[in-house]
């Protein structure tokens, strides 16, 4: 009997000694957290893509430098050459063709020199811009030096210059 009286007394007093959170309070906190995560995510995701694009630009720039070195080793920088690199949708790089204008330096020598330097099988383009390139062409000539794309500009990589002299 005493137990029922104590229970009635507690119910009449209300929730004075309730030490937990109500379901409504928890839902409100979760909603606020979801909004904050959405706001932060909207600002962070583009920065991640920009960082990937900058990394890809470094990879492409390094390939121009390596093409310059290979071209100089094989051709003594005398005759023009063209190196075409394919980029698949996963960003993997592979050598498509090498054409040298020097009859004394066979295309295979330039291809081997560039392959040894560039190590394309270990490089991957990670940005969506890099993966969407399809292919890149590195042109080596005695007048303009070595450049990628059109006079050192590659579509989608505005603000970056891919040239070596």
C-alpha atoms as a PDB file:
ATOM      1  CA  UNK A   1       0.000   0.000   0.000  1.00  0.00           C
ATOM      2  CA  UNK A   2       2.807   2.351   0.833  1.00  0.00           C
ATOM      3  CA  UNK A   3       4.283   1.756  -2.580  1.00  0.00           C
ATOM      4  CA  UNK A   4       1.112   2.879  -4.363  1.00  0.00           C
ATOM      5  CA  UNK A   5       0.997   5.998  -2.248  1.00  0.00           C
ATOM      6  CA  UNK A   6       4.598   6.828  -3.119  1.00  0.00           C
ATOM      7  CA  UNK A   7       3.886   6.311  -6.828  1.00  0.00           C
ATOM      8  CA  UNK A   8       0.808   8.576  -6.688  1.00  0.00           C
ATOM      9  CA  UNK A   9       2.808  11.220  -4.865  1.00  0.00           C
ATOM     10  CA  UNK A  10       5.562  11.121  -7.514  1.00  0.00           C
ATOM     11  CA  UNK A  11       3.081  11.412 -10.362  1.00  0.00           C
ATOM     12  CA  UNK A  12       1.465  14.423  -8.715  1.00  0.00           C
ATOM     13  CA  UNK A  13       4.812  16.168  -8.198  1.00  0.00           C
ATOM     14  CA  UNK A  14       5.685  15.863 -11.892  1.00  0.00           C
ATOM     15  CA  UNK A  15       9.157  15.267 -13.345  1.00  0.00           C
ATOM     16  CA  UNK A  16      11.249  16.952 -10.697  1.00  0.00           C
ATOM     17  CA  UNK A  17      13.888  14.244 -10.538  1.00  0.00           C
ATOM     18  CA  UNK A  18      13.943  13.255 -14.211  1.00  0.00           C
ATOM     19  CA  UNK A  19      17.633  13.119 -15.222  1.00  0.00           C
ATOM     20  CA  UNK A  20      17.376  12.241 -18.958  1.00  0.00           C
ATOM     21  CA  UNK A  21      16.672  14.053 -22.222  1.00  0.00           C
ATOM     22  CA  UNK A  22      13.269  13.948 -23.855  1.00  0.00           C
ATOM     23  CA  UNK A  23      12.846  12.602 -27.376  1.00  0.00           C
ATOM     24  CA  UNK A  24      11.987  16.096 -28.663  1.00  0.00           C
ATOM     25  CA  UNK A  25      15.234  17.526 -27.262  1.00  0.00           C
ATOM     26  CA  UNK A  26      17.277  14.782 -28.932  1.00  0.00           C
ATOM     27  CA  UNK A  27      15.552  15.309 -32.285  1.00  0.00           C
ATOM     28  CA  UNK A  28      16.216  19.068 -32.120  1.00  0.00           C
ATOM     29  CA  UNK A  29      19.922  18.507 -31.395  1.00  0.00           C
ATOM     30  CA  UNK A  30      20.214  15.994 -34.261  1.00  0.00           C
ATOM     31  CA  UNK A  31      18.488  18.437 -36.647  1.00  0.00           C
ATOM     32  CA  UNK A  32      20.872  21.247 -35.674  1.00  0.00           C
ATOM     33  CA  UNK A  33      23.865  18.938 -36.192  1.00  0.00           C
ATOM     34  CA  UNK A  34      22.565  17.905 -39.636  1.00  0.00           C
ATOM     35  CA  UNK A  35      22.225  21.560 -40.669  1.00  0.00           C
ATOM     36  CA  UNK A  36      25.762  22.352 -39.483  1.00  0.00           C
ATOM     37  CA  UNK A  37      27.200  19.331 -41.304  1.00  0.00           C
ATOM     38  CA  UNK A  38      25.399  20.424 -44.478  1.00  0.00           C
ATOM     39  CA  UNK A  39      26.819  23.936 -44.257  1.00  0.00           C
ATOM     40  CA  UNK A  40      30.367  22.731 -43.598  1.00  0.00           C
ATOM     41  CA  UNK A  41      30.112  20.103 -46.338  1.00  0.00           C
ATOM     42  CA  UNK A  42      29.079  22.706 -48.911  1.00  0.00           C
ATOM     43  CA  UNK A  43      32.271  24.653 -48.172  1.00  0.00           C
ATOM     44  CA  UNK A  44      34.712  21.750 -47.856  1.00  0.00           C
ATOM     45  CA  UNK A  45      33.836  19.613 -50.883  1.00  0.00           C
ATOM     46  CA  UNK A  46      34.839  22.229 -53.516  1.00  0.00           C
ATOM     47  CA  UNK A  47      38.130  22.779 -51.684  1.00  0.00           C
ATOM     48  CA  UNK A  48      38.904  19.060 -51.900  1.00  0.00           C
ATOM     49  CA  UNK A  49      38.382  19.143 -55.687  1.00  0.00           C
ATOM     50  CA  UNK A  50      40.603  22.249 -55.963  1.00  0.00           C
ATOM     51  CA  UNK A  51      43.358  20.451 -54.035  1.00  0.00           C
ATOM     52  CA  UNK A  52      43.072  17.423 -56.338  1.00  0.00           C
ATOM     53  CA  UNK A  53      43.267  19.712 -59.368  1.00  0.00           C
ATOM     54  CA  UNK A  54      46.415  21.390 -57.999  1.00  0.00           C
ATOM     55  CA  UNK A  55      47.981  17.960 -57.454  1.00  0.00           C
ATOM     56  CA  UNK A  56      47.100  16.975 -61.029  1.00  0.00           C
ATOM     57  CA  UNK A  57      48.694  20.199 -62.268  1.00  0.00           C
ATOM     58  CA  UNK A  58      51.903  19.217 -60.458  1.00  0.00           C
ATOM     59  CA  UNK A  59      51.818  15.772 -62.099  1.00  0.00           C
ATOM     60  CA  UNK A  60      51.298  17.287 -65.556  1.00  0.00           C
ATOM     61  CA  UNK A  61      54.025  19.864 -64.985  1.00  0.00           C
ATOM     62  CA  UNK A  62      56.444  17.138 -63.886  1.00  0.00           C
ATOM     63  CA  UNK A  63      55.683  15.216 -67.080  1.00  0.00           C
ATOM     64  CA  UNK A  64      56.598  18.303 -69.141  1.00  0.00           C
ATOM     65  CA  UNK A  65      59.930  18.541 -67.291  1.00  0.00           C
ATOM     66  CA  UNK A  66      60.567  14.832 -67.824  1.00  0.00           C
ATOM     67  CA  UNK A  67      59.715  15.160 -71.520  1.00  0.00           C
ATOM     68  CA  UNK A  68      62.196  18.031 -71.740  1.00  0.00           C
ATOM     69  CA  UNK A  69      64.905  15.901 -70.145  1.00  0.00           C
ATOM     70  CA  UNK A  70      64.163  12.860 -72.325  1.00  0.00           C
ATOM     71  CA  UNK A  71      64.003  14.995 -75.483  1.00  0.00           C
ATOM     72  CA  UNK A  72      67.300  16.666 -74.632  1.00  0.00           C
ATOM     73  CA  UNK A  73      68.998  13.318 -73.922  1.00  0.00           C
ATOM     74  CA  UNK A  74      67.837  11.688 -77.149  1.00  0.00           C
ATOM     75  CA  UNK A  75      67.574  14.553 -79.627  1.00  0.00           C
ATOM     76  CA  UNK A  76      70.031  17.037 -78.168  1.00  0.00           C
ATOM     77  CA  UNK A  77      67.008  19.362 -78.431  1.00  0.00           C
ATOM     78  CA  UNK A  78      67.574  19.679 -82.183  1.00  0.00           C
ATOM     79  CA  UNK A  79      64.483  18.180 -83.825  1.00  0.00           C
ATOM     80  CA  UNK A  80      60.859  18.584 -82.788  1.00  0.00           C
ATOM     81  CA  UNK A  81      59.008  15.736 -81.113  1.00  0.00           C
ATOM     82  CA  UNK A  82      55.511  14.996 -79.875  1.00  0.00           C
ATOM     83  CA  UNK A  83      54.499  12.760 -76.954  1.00  0.00           C
ATOM     84  CA  UNK A  84      50.825  11.805 -76.532  1.00  0.00           C
ATOM     85  CA  UNK A  85      49.598  10.487 -73.196  1.00  0.00           C
ATOM     86  CA  UNK A  86      46.147   8.954 -72.756  1.00  0.00           C
ATOM     87  CA  UNK A  87      44.123   9.586 -69.602  1.00  0.00           C
ATOM     88  CA  UNK A  88      41.362   7.082 -68.864  1.00  0.00           C
ATOM     89  CA  UNK A  89      38.215   7.853 -66.842  1.00  0.00           C
ATOM     90  CA  UNK A  90      39.908   6.599 -63.658  1.00  0.00           C
ATOM     91  CA  UNK A  91      42.786   9.036 -64.184  1.00  0.00           C
ATOM     92  CA  UNK A  92      45.347   6.380 -65.136  1.00  0.00           C
ATOM     93  CA  UNK A  93      48.032   7.538 -67.570  1.00  0.00           C
ATOM     94  CA  UNK A  94      49.484   5.592 -70.481  1.00  0.00           C
ATOM     95  CA  UNK A  95      51.816   6.495 -73.310  1.00  0.00           C
ATOM     96  CA  UNK A  96      49.939   6.512 -76.618  1.00  0.00           C
ATOM     97  CA  UNK A  97      52.528   7.654 -79.134  1.00  0.00           C
ATOM     98  CA  UNK A  98      55.920   9.269 -79.531  1.00  0.00           C
ATOM     99  CA  UNK A  99      56.957  10.958 -82.757  1.00  0.00           C
ATOM    100  CA  UNK A 100      60.406  12.404 -83.205  1.00  0.00           C
ATOM    101  CA  UNK A 101      61.435  14.578 -86.123  1.00  0.00           C
ATOM    102  CA  UNK A 102      65.043  13.456 -85.850  1.00  0.00           C
ATOM    103  CA  UNK A 103      65.890  10.473 -88.061  1.00  0.00           C
ATOM    104  CA  UNK A 104      68.988   9.756 -85.953  1.00  0.00           C
ATOM    105  CA  UNK A 105      66.988   9.527 -82.728  1.00  0.00           C
ATOM    106  CA  UNK A 106      64.380   6.862 -83.290  1.00  0.00           C
ATOM    107  CA  UNK A 107      60.958   7.221 -81.715  1.00  0.00           C
ATOM    108  CA  UNK A 108      61.679   4.156 -79.586  1.00  0.00           C
ATOM    109  CA  UNK A 109      64.701   5.849 -77.960  1.00  0.00           C
ATOM    110  CA  UNK A 110      62.628   8.880 -77.008  1.00  0.00           C
ATOM    111  CA  UNK A 111      59.796   6.644 -75.847  1.00  0.00           C
ATOM    112  CA  UNK A 112      62.147   4.612 -73.647  1.00  0.00           C
ATOM    113  CA  UNK A 113      63.808   7.722 -72.218  1.00  0.00           C
ATOM    114  CA  UNK A 114      60.439   9.324 -71.407  1.00  0.00           C
ATOM    115  CA  UNK A 115      58.995   6.095 -69.989  1.00  0.00           C
ATOM    116  CA  UNK A 116      62.023   5.623 -67.737  1.00  0.00           C
ATOM    117  CA  UNK A 117      61.739   9.192 -66.432  1.00  0.00           C
ATOM    118  CA  UNK A 118      57.969   9.651 -66.198  1.00  0.00           C
ATOM    119  CA  UNK A 119      56.955   6.312 -64.638  1.00  0.00           C
ATOM    120  CA  UNK A 120      53.389   6.782 -65.877  1.00  0.00           C
ATOM    121  CA  UNK A 121      52.172   3.517 -64.354  1.00  0.00           C
ATOM    122  CA  UNK A 122      52.654   4.977 -60.857  1.00  0.00           C
ATOM    123  CA  UNK A 123      50.848   8.268 -61.559  1.00  0.00           C
ATOM    124  CA  UNK A 124      47.117   8.931 -61.442  1.00  0.00           C
ATOM    125  CA  UNK A 125      45.140  12.109 -62.039  1.00  0.00           C
ATOM    126  CA  UNK A 126      42.603  12.452 -59.231  1.00  0.00           C
ATOM    127  CA  UNK A 127      40.495  15.510 -60.050  1.00  0.00           C
ATOM    128  CA  UNK A 128      37.382  15.325 -62.196  1.00  0.00           C
ATOM    129  CA  UNK A 129      39.043  17.811 -64.568  1.00  0.00           C
ATOM    130  CA  UNK A 130      42.136  15.588 -64.894  1.00  0.00           C
ATOM    131  CA  UNK A 131      40.089  12.435 -65.421  1.00  0.00           C
ATOM    132  CA  UNK A 132      38.117  14.161 -68.153  1.00  0.00           C
ATOM    133  CA  UNK A 133      41.128  15.189 -70.250  1.00  0.00           C
ATOM    134  CA  UNK A 134      41.083  12.101 -72.482  1.00  0.00           C
ATOM    135  CA  UNK A 135      44.631  12.731 -73.649  1.00  0.00           C
ATOM    136  CA  UNK A 136      47.383  15.301 -73.404  1.00  0.00           C
ATOM    137  CA  UNK A 137      50.034  16.141 -75.954  1.00  0.00           C
ATOM    138  CA  UNK A 138      53.511  17.294 -75.032  1.00  0.00           C
ATOM    139  CA  UNK A 139      55.222  19.148 -77.875  1.00  0.00           C
ATOM    140  CA  UNK A 140      58.986  19.546 -77.918  1.00  0.00           C
ATOM    141  CA  UNK A 141      60.517  22.013 -80.336  1.00  0.00           C
ATOM    142  CA  UNK A 142      63.605  24.152 -80.503  1.00  0.00           C
ATOM    143  CA  UNK A 143      61.726  27.458 -80.734  1.00  0.00           C
ATOM    144  CA  UNK A 144      59.157  27.324 -77.933  1.00  0.00           C
ATOM    145  CA  UNK A 145      60.789  24.705 -75.708  1.00  0.00           C
ATOM    146  CA  UNK A 146      58.595  21.951 -74.317  1.00  0.00           C
ATOM    147  CA  UNK A 147      54.934  22.556 -73.601  1.00  0.00           C
ATOM    148  CA  UNK A 148      51.721  20.676 -73.001  1.00  0.00           C
ATOM    149  CA  UNK A 149      48.464  21.460 -74.744  1.00  0.00           C
ATOM    150  CA  UNK A 150      48.231  24.654 -76.765  1.00  0.00           C
ATOM    151  CA  UNK A 151      51.268  26.816 -75.949  1.00  0.00           C
ATOM    152  CA  UNK A 152      51.323  25.515 -72.381  1.00  0.00           C
ATOM    153  CA  UNK A 153      47.579  25.790 -71.673  1.00  0.00           C
ATOM    154  CA  UNK A 154      45.517  22.678 -70.932  1.00  0.00           C
ATOM    155  CA  UNK A 155      41.706  22.782 -71.076  1.00  0.00           C
ATOM    156  CA  UNK A 156      40.212  22.962 -67.582  1.00  0.00           C
ATOM    157  CA  UNK A 157      43.486  23.961 -65.939  1.00  0.00           C
ATOM    158  CA  UNK A 158      43.063  27.714 -66.275  1.00  0.00           C
ATOM    159  CA  UNK A 159      45.743  29.645 -64.442  1.00  0.00           C
ATOM    160  CA  UNK A 160      48.336  26.867 -64.796  1.00  0.00           C
ATOM    161  CA  UNK A 161      51.117  26.912 -67.374  1.00  0.00           C
ATOM    162  CA  UNK A 162      52.791  23.737 -68.537  1.00  0.00           C
ATOM    163  CA  UNK A 163      56.020  24.884 -70.209  1.00  0.00           C
ATOM    164  CA  UNK A 164      59.710  24.184 -69.887  1.00  0.00           C
ATOM    165  CA  UNK A 165      62.637  25.755 -71.722  1.00  0.00           C
END
